[in-house]
Amino acid sequence: MTSDSVTLPRRVVLDQAWRSAGLADSVLSGRDGAPLARTVKCLIDPLIVRPKLHPELARPLLGPDAAAQLTALIADHAQLLWATDRWYGVLKQVRRARGIRSGNPQELYFPRAWELAHSHGPVADQPSPGVVAAQTLDDVHPSGDLDPAEVTTHLDAVRDDLACRLATAWTTGPAVDPDVAVAAVAAGIGVLVEESGKPHLDKEAVAHLGEALKSHRGALAALASALDVPAVALSAHDPVDPPSIMPAGDEMLPLDRSLRTRVLAALRRGPVDGSVDEIVETELDRARAPFGLHDPELRATLVIGVVIAGQLRPLATTSTARGPAREIEARLRKEAYVLHSRRLLAEGGPIHPVQQQVVDALGSFAQPYLSRLWVRLHGLDVTDDVQDWHTLVTGIARSVSLDQRTRIRTALERAA
């Protein structure tokens, strides 16, 4: 192999380019002088490299031409990056002066510092950089923002009362017949499974199914059996327990998320009106609703996702998925990393630990799929927004797959 054909890990190329541009001592760098992971995530990739326009520069391994191009891009933006460094420092000063503790400063301010560097130039050229930074922080942290620490303090103070109210809601909810609810939902969603048509889900039946999860064992399994699809779970508990007030153990499954996690997720959706007590009360009420969602359309989308999730088995030798699940799984099965994993399993030989992690993740694809779907639906419920169910259930699968590909790329870079 000639030197002209040698490839290098993208991480190594970035490190070398960064140091060559004299950026190793900036606040955008780690202790080792390399760009921080958040610098790459928030600045280099979206604002300089632009992977959609230059996919050849986003690959885990870069050839000589791509490496030279990436190095030149970093060098061309060195002065702008130094200006970003200085603006970030001013933003941090104003943040400390205001006593703001919410959010990660790098996630919040790296892109804003870049914008200030673009629009205002170097900090040294500004007569009042602190005023400019203060105006930027007003946009990032509106006056209605609540600090997560304030939420935690409040929840600690009223924990027993909230837990009692949740427990009462679980035992005094509306009486429902799980068999009737399952039959009604199965009848409405059957057309989706068999014909890929538009489901006609009765909103009341969906609500009754959500209530049944709290008091009757095996409701989701009964629905899966009625539709002849693999069963999945929304909680580690069957029936579903009331959510804990503070995080306690595993929260991987959607309905096991604590009240604190739900409240903070609601706050991250944007500025909120009302006191911390009012925000907690709103989320407490939502947690008591069927499937932890207020909007009937979003509940119906979650049920569709439950039916689809169990059918997503990209490592299976042959596909048994039906309806939109067939379409989603077909895309997954064509992914290069999925094809490679399936070949390894077919060969029956030893599997590298890194690859085994990929195989395990693909084998339980339904879990991250449902978790991410519920989080997305919860966010839409908070913002009173409803989106097309087909766009949601297909987009979530792509999102989970992209995350898995990113983990593989990172592992390849480290191994190289």
Protein backbone atom coordinates (compact mmCIF):
# COMPACT_ATOMS: atom_id res chain seq x y z
CA MET A 1 0.00 0.00 0.00
CA THR A 2 1.42 3.39 -0.99
CA SER A 3 1.40 6.44 1.25
CA ASP A 4 -1.09 8.03 -1.17
CA SER A 5 -3.70 5.42 -0.25
CA VAL A 6 -3.22 5.45 3.54
CA THR A 7 -6.35 6.29 5.51
CA LEU A 8 -6.46 7.83 8.96
CA PRO A 9 -9.20 7.93 11.58
CA ARG A 10 -11.18 11.15 11.25
CA ARG A 11 -10.54 11.87 14.94
CA VAL A 12 -6.77 11.82 14.32
CA VAL A 13 -7.06 14.10 11.29
CA LEU A 14 -9.16 16.58 13.28
CA ASP A 15 -6.68 16.51 16.16
CA GLN A 16 -3.73 17.22 13.87
CA ALA A 17 -5.59 19.94 11.95
CA TRP A 18 -6.71 21.56 15.19
CA ARG A 19 -3.19 21.75 16.58
CA SER A 20 -1.76 22.93 13.26
CA ALA A 21 -4.25 25.81 13.30
CA GLY A 22 -2.97 26.84 16.74
CA LEU A 23 -6.23 26.10 18.56
CA ALA A 24 -4.91 23.67 21.16
CA ASP A 25 -4.99 26.29 23.95
CA SER A 26 -8.54 27.55 23.34
CA VAL A 27 -11.48 26.79 25.63
CA LEU A 28 -12.84 24.76 22.73
CA SER A 29 -10.07 22.23 23.41
CA GLY A 30 -9.64 19.56 26.04
CA ARG A 31 -6.69 19.18 28.38
CA ASP A 32 -4.86 17.16 25.72
CA GLY A 33 -5.21 20.00 23.20
CA ALA A 34 -7.65 18.17 20.94
CA PRO A 35 -11.06 19.66 20.13
CA LEU A 36 -13.71 18.78 22.69
CA ALA A 37 -16.39 16.32 21.67
CA ARG A 38 -18.95 19.12 22.00
CA THR A 39 -16.78 21.36 19.84
CA VAL A 40 -17.02 18.75 17.11
CA LYS A 41 -20.73 18.20 17.71
CA CYS A 42 -21.83 21.85 18.05
CA LEU A 43 -19.34 23.71 15.86
CA ILE A 44 -17.05 21.73 13.56
CA ASP A 45 -19.54 19.27 12.09
CA PRO A 46 -22.70 21.41 11.69
CA LEU A 47 -21.06 24.76 10.93
CA ILE A 48 -17.74 24.05 9.24
CA VAL A 49 -17.76 20.56 7.74
CA ARG A 50 -21.50 20.30 6.97
CA PRO A 51 -21.67 16.52 6.46
CA LYS A 52 -24.77 16.69 4.27
CA LEU A 53 -22.85 18.79 1.75
CA HIS A 54 -19.54 16.98 2.26
CA PRO A 55 -20.32 13.39 3.30
CA GLU A 56 -16.78 12.35 2.34
CA LEU A 57 -15.47 14.43 5.28
CA ALA A 58 -17.75 12.75 7.84
CA ARG A 59 -16.54 9.18 7.35
CA PRO A 60 -14.74 7.45 10.24
CA LEU A 61 -11.68 6.85 8.04
CA LEU A 62 -10.36 9.56 5.70
CA GLY A 63 -8.14 9.23 2.67
CA PRO A 64 -5.37 11.74 1.86
CA ASP A 65 -7.60 14.06 -0.21
CA ALA A 66 -10.37 14.19 2.39
CA ALA A 67 -7.82 14.67 5.19
CA ALA A 68 -6.22 17.58 3.33
CA GLN A 69 -9.62 19.15 2.68
CA LEU A 70 -10.64 18.86 6.34
CA THR A 71 -7.31 20.31 7.47
CA ALA A 72 -7.75 23.27 5.13
CA LEU A 73 -11.27 23.90 6.42
CA ILE A 74 -10.07 24.08 10.02
CA ALA A 75 -7.22 26.40 9.06
CA ASP A 76 -9.57 28.69 7.11
CA HIS A 77 -11.85 29.01 10.16
CA ALA A 78 -9.12 29.37 12.81
CA GLN A 79 -9.64 33.11 13.38
CA LEU A 80 -13.40 32.68 13.60
CA LEU A 81 -12.94 29.84 16.08
CA TRP A 82 -10.68 32.03 18.23
CA ALA A 83 -13.35 34.75 18.17
CA THR A 84 -15.87 32.09 19.20
CA ASP A 85 -13.55 31.14 22.06
CA ARG A 86 -13.52 34.73 23.37
CA TRP A 87 -17.28 35.21 23.05
CA TYR A 88 -17.85 31.96 24.89
CA GLY A 89 -15.79 33.32 27.77
CA VAL A 90 -17.94 36.47 27.94
CA LEU A 91 -21.14 34.41 27.86
CA LYS A 92 -19.83 32.29 30.74
CA GLN A 93 -19.03 35.43 32.76
CA VAL A 94 -22.56 36.75 32.36
CA ARG A 95 -23.96 33.31 33.20
CA ARG A 96 -21.99 33.23 36.48
CA ALA A 97 -23.02 36.78 37.34
CA ARG A 98 -26.69 35.83 36.92
CA GLY A 99 -26.32 32.63 38.92
CA ILE A 100 -27.63 30.48 36.07
CA ARG A 101 -27.08 26.77 36.60
CA SER A 102 -29.46 25.16 34.14
CA GLY A 103 -28.26 23.46 30.98
CA ASN A 104 -24.79 22.55 29.78
CA PRO A 105 -22.86 25.76 28.96
CA GLN A 106 -21.01 24.23 26.03
CA GLU A 107 -24.19 22.84 24.45
CA LEU A 108 -26.00 26.13 24.99
CA TYR A 109 -23.30 28.68 24.21
CA PHE A 110 -20.89 27.23 21.65
CA PRO A 111 -23.31 27.87 18.75
CA ARG A 112 -24.30 31.27 20.20
CA ALA A 113 -20.66 32.29 20.57
CA TRP A 114 -20.12 31.32 16.93
CA GLU A 115 -23.07 33.51 15.91
CA LEU A 116 -21.68 36.44 17.89
CA ALA A 117 -18.26 35.97 16.31
CA HIS A 118 -19.91 36.04 12.88
CA SER A 119 -22.16 39.03 13.50
CA HIS A 120 -20.00 41.16 15.85
CA GLY A 121 -16.45 40.12 15.09
CA PRO A 122 -13.79 39.72 17.80
CA VAL A 123 -14.68 40.61 21.38
CA ALA A 124 -11.84 43.15 21.46
CA ASP A 125 -13.59 45.17 18.74
CA GLN A 126 -16.76 45.57 20.81
CA PRO A 127 -17.16 48.52 23.21
CA SER A 128 -19.68 46.63 25.39
CA PRO A 129 -19.35 42.86 24.84
CA GLY A 130 -21.06 42.15 28.17
CA VAL A 131 -24.23 43.90 27.00
CA VAL A 132 -24.26 41.87 23.79
CA ALA A 133 -23.71 38.66 25.74
CA ALA A 134 -26.50 39.57 28.19
CA GLN A 135 -28.94 40.02 25.33
CA THR A 136 -27.97 36.60 23.98
CA LEU A 137 -28.52 34.97 27.37
CA ASP A 138 -31.95 36.59 27.54
CA ASP A 139 -32.82 34.54 24.46
CA VAL A 140 -31.26 31.34 25.78
CA HIS A 141 -32.69 31.68 29.31
CA PRO A 142 -36.02 33.54 29.23
CA SER A 143 -37.17 34.96 32.55
CA GLY A 144 -39.72 32.16 32.87
CA ASP A 145 -37.04 29.44 32.92
CA LEU A 146 -36.91 27.18 35.96
CA ASP A 147 -33.65 25.79 37.28
CA PRO A 148 -33.52 21.95 37.57
CA ALA A 149 -32.14 22.39 41.08
CA GLU A 150 -35.30 24.29 42.00
CA VAL A 151 -37.40 21.43 40.68
CA THR A 152 -35.42 18.88 42.69
CA THR A 153 -35.72 20.93 45.88
CA HIS A 154 -39.46 21.27 45.43
CA LEU A 155 -39.97 17.57 44.70
CA ASP A 156 -37.94 16.60 47.76
CA ALA A 157 -40.13 18.81 49.93
CA VAL A 158 -43.44 17.36 48.70
CA ARG A 159 -42.31 13.85 47.78
CA ASP A 160 -44.56 11.98 50.22
CA ASP A 161 -47.66 13.92 49.24
CA LEU A 162 -47.07 13.40 45.51
CA ALA A 163 -46.38 9.68 45.98
CA CYS A 164 -49.61 9.32 47.97
CA ARG A 165 -51.63 11.09 45.31
CA LEU A 166 -50.17 8.95 42.54
CA ALA A 167 -50.87 5.76 44.50
CA THR A 168 -54.45 6.88 45.09
CA ALA A 169 -54.94 7.66 41.40
CA TRP A 170 -53.70 4.17 40.52
CA THR A 171 -56.20 2.44 42.81
CA THR A 172 -59.20 4.70 42.26
CA GLY A 173 -59.06 5.09 38.50
CA PRO A 174 -62.00 4.29 36.24
CA ALA A 175 -63.08 0.65 36.15
CA VAL A 176 -62.30 -0.88 32.78
CA ASP A 177 -62.66 -4.32 31.25
CA PRO A 178 -59.25 -5.17 29.76
CA ASP A 179 -60.68 -7.82 27.44
CA VAL A 180 -63.16 -5.37 25.93
CA ALA A 181 -60.46 -2.69 25.58
CA VAL A 182 -58.02 -5.11 23.92
CA ALA A 183 -60.67 -6.37 21.51
CA ALA A 184 -61.73 -2.86 20.51
CA VAL A 185 -58.16 -1.65 19.97
CA ALA A 186 -57.24 -4.82 18.06
CA ALA A 187 -60.22 -4.37 15.78
CA GLY A 188 -59.26 -0.79 15.03
CA ILE A 189 -55.58 -1.44 14.45
CA GLY A 190 -55.96 -4.71 12.54
CA VAL A 191 -56.26 -2.92 9.20
CA LEU A 192 -52.89 -1.31 9.87
CA VAL A 193 -51.21 -4.65 10.49
CA GLU A 194 -52.80 -6.49 7.59
CA GLU A 195 -53.26 -3.91 4.85
CA SER A 196 -51.07 -0.91 5.77
CA GLY A 197 -54.24 1.16 5.75
CA LYS A 198 -55.14 4.01 8.05
CA PRO A 199 -56.00 2.67 11.53
CA HIS A 200 -59.38 3.54 12.97
CA LEU A 201 -58.62 3.54 16.67
CA ASP A 202 -61.45 4.36 19.03
CA LYS A 203 -60.04 6.99 21.39
CA GLU A 204 -62.05 5.71 24.36
CA ALA A 205 -60.86 2.14 23.79
CA VAL A 206 -57.24 3.34 23.68
CA ALA A 207 -57.78 5.26 26.94
CA HIS A 208 -59.31 2.17 28.55
CA LEU A 209 -56.34 0.08 27.43
CA GLY A 210 -53.99 2.62 29.01
CA GLU A 211 -55.97 2.46 32.26
CA ALA A 212 -55.97 -1.34 32.13
CA LEU A 213 -52.17 -1.38 32.22
CA LYS A 214 -52.32 0.02 35.76
CA SER A 215 -54.49 -2.71 37.25
CA HIS A 216 -54.55 -5.78 35.01
CA ARG A 217 -51.67 -8.06 34.14
CA GLY A 218 -50.90 -8.93 30.52
CA ALA A 219 -52.95 -6.29 28.70
CA LEU A 220 -50.26 -5.53 26.09
CA ALA A 221 -49.47 -9.22 25.69
CA ALA A 222 -53.16 -9.87 25.03
CA LEU A 223 -53.19 -7.15 22.35
CA ALA A 224 -50.10 -8.65 20.71
CA SER A 225 -51.71 -12.10 20.77
CA ALA A 226 -54.93 -10.77 19.23
CA LEU A 227 -52.91 -9.25 16.37
CA ASP A 228 -50.43 -12.13 16.11
CA VAL A 229 -47.39 -9.90 16.61
CA PRO A 230 -44.53 -10.19 19.13
CA ALA A 231 -45.32 -8.66 22.53
CA VAL A 232 -43.36 -5.74 23.97
CA ALA A 233 -43.41 -3.88 27.28
CA LEU A 234 -43.81 -0.24 28.23
CA SER A 235 -42.76 -0.90 31.82
CA ALA A 236 -40.70 -3.39 33.80
CA HIS A 237 -43.77 -3.87 36.00
CA ASP A 238 -46.98 -5.64 35.00
CA PRO A 239 -49.37 -4.14 35.97
CA VAL A 240 -47.59 -0.79 35.65
CA ASP A 241 -46.61 0.84 38.95
CA PRO A 242 -47.04 4.56 39.62
CA PRO A 243 -43.87 6.43 38.59
CA SER A 244 -41.43 7.22 41.40
CA ILE A 245 -41.05 10.86 42.36
CA MET A 246 -37.26 10.90 42.07
CA PRO A 247 -35.14 8.67 39.78
CA ALA A 248 -34.83 5.20 41.26
CA GLY A 249 -33.02 2.53 39.25
CA ASP A 250 -33.60 1.75 35.60
CA GLU A 251 -35.74 4.20 33.59
CA MET A 252 -35.15 2.64 30.18
CA LEU A 253 -38.79 1.74 29.58
CA PRO A 254 -41.06 4.74 28.96
CA LEU A 255 -43.65 4.38 31.72
CA ASP A 256 -40.94 3.81 34.36
CA ARG A 257 -39.65 7.38 34.09
CA SER A 258 -39.75 9.26 37.38
CA LEU A 259 -41.82 12.40 37.88
CA ARG A 260 -38.61 14.45 38.12
CA THR A 261 -37.43 13.11 34.75
CA ARG A 262 -40.79 13.96 33.21
CA VAL A 263 -40.85 17.48 34.68
CA LEU A 264 -37.32 18.26 33.50
CA ALA A 265 -38.16 16.89 30.03
CA ALA A 266 -41.14 19.25 29.94
CA LEU A 267 -38.91 22.18 30.90
CA ARG A 268 -36.44 21.36 28.14
CA ARG A 269 -39.20 21.81 25.58
CA GLY A 270 -38.92 25.58 25.99
CA PRO A 271 -39.93 28.46 28.22
CA VAL A 272 -42.77 27.63 30.58
CA ASP A 273 -45.34 29.76 32.32
CA GLY A 274 -46.11 29.30 35.99
CA SER A 275 -44.32 28.43 39.19
CA VAL A 276 -42.44 25.22 39.83
CA ASP A 277 -45.43 23.96 41.80
CA GLU A 278 -47.74 24.55 38.83
CA ILE A 279 -45.37 22.80 36.43
CA VAL A 280 -45.11 19.79 38.73
CA GLU A 281 -48.89 19.65 39.10
CA THR A 282 -49.31 19.65 35.32
CA GLU A 283 -46.87 16.79 34.92
CA LEU A 284 -48.41 14.90 37.84
CA ASP A 285 -51.77 15.10 36.09
CA ARG A 286 -50.20 13.90 32.84
CA ALA A 287 -48.53 10.96 34.63
CA ARG A 288 -51.96 9.83 35.87
CA ALA A 289 -53.42 9.92 32.34
CA PRO A 290 -53.57 6.75 30.17
CA PHE A 291 -50.08 5.98 28.84
CA GLY A 292 -48.85 9.16 30.59
CA LEU A 293 -50.21 11.32 27.77
CA HIS A 294 -53.11 13.79 27.65
CA ASP A 295 -53.76 13.91 23.91
CA PRO A 296 -55.89 11.03 22.51
CA GLU A 297 -54.15 11.20 19.10
CA LEU A 298 -50.73 10.81 20.69
CA ARG A 299 -51.95 7.86 22.77
CA ALA A 300 -53.18 6.21 19.58
CA THR A 301 -49.78 6.77 17.94
CA LEU A 302 -48.07 5.11 20.92
CA VAL A 303 -50.31 2.05 20.58
CA ILE A 304 -49.44 1.86 16.87
CA GLY A 305 -45.78 2.07 17.88
CA VAL A 306 -46.26 -0.77 20.37
CA VAL A 307 -47.66 -2.99 17.60
CA ILE A 308 -44.83 -2.04 15.24
CA ALA A 309 -41.97 -2.28 17.74
CA GLY A 310 -42.19 -5.99 18.40
CA GLN A 311 -42.03 -6.72 14.67
CA LEU A 312 -38.73 -4.85 14.18
CA ARG A 313 -36.25 -7.73 14.18
CA PRO A 314 -33.51 -6.70 11.72
CA LEU A 315 -31.27 -9.66 12.62
CA ALA A 316 -33.88 -12.34 11.91
CA THR A 317 -33.05 -14.62 9.00
CA THR A 318 -36.39 -13.85 7.38
CA SER A 319 -38.77 -10.99 8.03
CA THR A 320 -42.25 -11.60 9.42
CA ALA A 321 -43.17 -7.90 9.76
CA ARG A 322 -46.45 -6.65 8.32
CA GLY A 323 -47.94 -3.27 7.50
CA PRO A 324 -45.71 -0.24 8.13
CA ALA A 325 -43.45 -2.43 10.27
CA ARG A 326 -42.44 -4.25 7.07
CA GLU A 327 -41.45 -0.96 5.44
CA ILE A 328 -39.47 0.19 8.50
CA GLU A 329 -37.73 -3.14 9.01
CA ALA A 330 -36.82 -3.38 5.31
CA ARG A 331 -34.86 -0.13 5.63
CA LEU A 332 -33.12 -1.37 8.75
CA ARG A 333 -32.16 -4.68 7.16
CA LYS A 334 -30.40 -2.85 4.30
CA GLU A 335 -28.09 -0.92 6.63
CA ALA A 336 -24.47 -2.00 6.17
CA TYR A 337 -23.89 -2.54 9.89
CA VAL A 338 -27.03 -4.71 10.10
CA LEU A 339 -25.97 -6.79 7.09
CA HIS A 340 -22.53 -7.28 8.63
CA SER A 341 -24.02 -8.36 11.97
CA ARG A 342 -26.34 -10.83 10.28
CA ARG A 343 -23.41 -12.35 8.36
CA LEU A 344 -21.41 -12.77 11.59
CA LEU A 345 -24.29 -14.56 13.25
CA ALA A 346 -24.80 -16.81 10.22
CA GLU A 347 -21.10 -17.79 10.24
CA GLY A 348 -21.36 -18.84 13.88
CA GLY A 349 -17.79 -17.84 14.76
CA PRO A 350 -16.48 -15.72 17.63
CA ILE A 351 -17.72 -12.12 17.70
CA HIS A 352 -15.61 -9.17 18.85
CA PRO A 353 -16.97 -7.52 22.05
CA VAL A 354 -17.64 -4.25 20.20
CA GLN A 355 -19.61 -6.08 17.52
CA GLN A 356 -21.43 -8.06 20.20
CA GLN A 357 -22.73 -4.78 21.61
CA VAL A 358 -24.14 -3.98 18.17
CA VAL A 359 -25.74 -7.42 17.91
CA ASP A 360 -27.29 -7.05 21.35
CA ALA A 361 -28.66 -3.59 20.51
CA LEU A 362 -30.20 -4.85 17.26
CA GLY A 363 -31.64 -7.86 19.06
CA SER A 364 -33.57 -5.57 21.39
CA PHE A 365 -34.38 -2.82 18.90
CA ALA A 366 -37.92 -2.49 20.27
CA GLN A 367 -36.72 -1.10 23.61
CA PRO A 368 -34.87 2.03 22.42
CA TYR A 369 -37.51 2.47 19.72
CA LEU A 370 -40.40 2.62 22.18
CA SER A 371 -38.47 4.73 24.67
CA ARG A 372 -37.63 7.33 22.06
CA LEU A 373 -41.14 7.27 20.62
CA TRP A 374 -42.70 7.91 24.03
CA VAL A 375 -40.26 10.75 24.76
CA ARG A 376 -41.15 12.34 21.43
CA LEU A 377 -44.89 11.97 22.09
CA HIS A 378 -44.45 13.36 25.60
CA GLY A 379 -42.76 16.43 24.13
CA LEU A 380 -45.59 16.92 21.65
CA ASP A 381 -48.07 16.54 24.50
CA VAL A 382 -46.26 19.26 26.46
CA THR A 383 -46.29 21.66 23.51
CA ASP A 384 -49.87 20.81 22.44
CA ASP A 385 -48.66 19.72 19.03
CA VAL A 386 -49.82 16.65 17.08
CA GLN A 387 -47.95 15.20 14.12
CA ASP A 388 -48.77 12.55 11.54
CA TRP A 389 -48.48 9.09 13.10
CA HIS A 390 -46.71 7.57 10.09
CA THR A 391 -44.01 10.25 10.09
CA LEU A 392 -43.44 9.69 13.80
CA VAL A 393 -43.21 5.90 13.84
CA THR A 394 -40.90 5.78 10.81
CA GLY A 395 -38.75 8.74 11.88
CA ILE A 396 -38.08 7.25 15.32
CA ALA A 397 -36.70 4.07 13.74
CA ARG A 398 -34.30 6.12 11.60
CA SER A 399 -33.21 8.07 14.66
CA VAL A 400 -32.42 4.93 16.68
CA SER A 401 -30.57 3.42 13.73
CA LEU A 402 -28.51 6.60 13.30
CA ASP A 403 -27.49 6.45 16.95
CA GLN A 404 -26.35 2.87 16.56
CA ARG A 405 -24.33 3.74 13.45
CA THR A 406 -22.70 6.63 15.32
CA ARG A 407 -21.65 4.31 18.14
CA ILE A 408 -20.14 1.92 15.62
CA ARG A 409 -18.22 4.75 13.92
CA THR A 410 -16.86 5.88 17.28
CA ALA A 411 -15.78 2.35 18.11
CA LEU A 412 -14.03 2.03 14.74
CA GLU A 413 -12.15 5.29 15.31
CA ARG A 414 -10.99 4.15 18.73
CA ALA A 415 -9.94 0.76 17.43
CA ALA A 416 -7.99 2.41 14.59
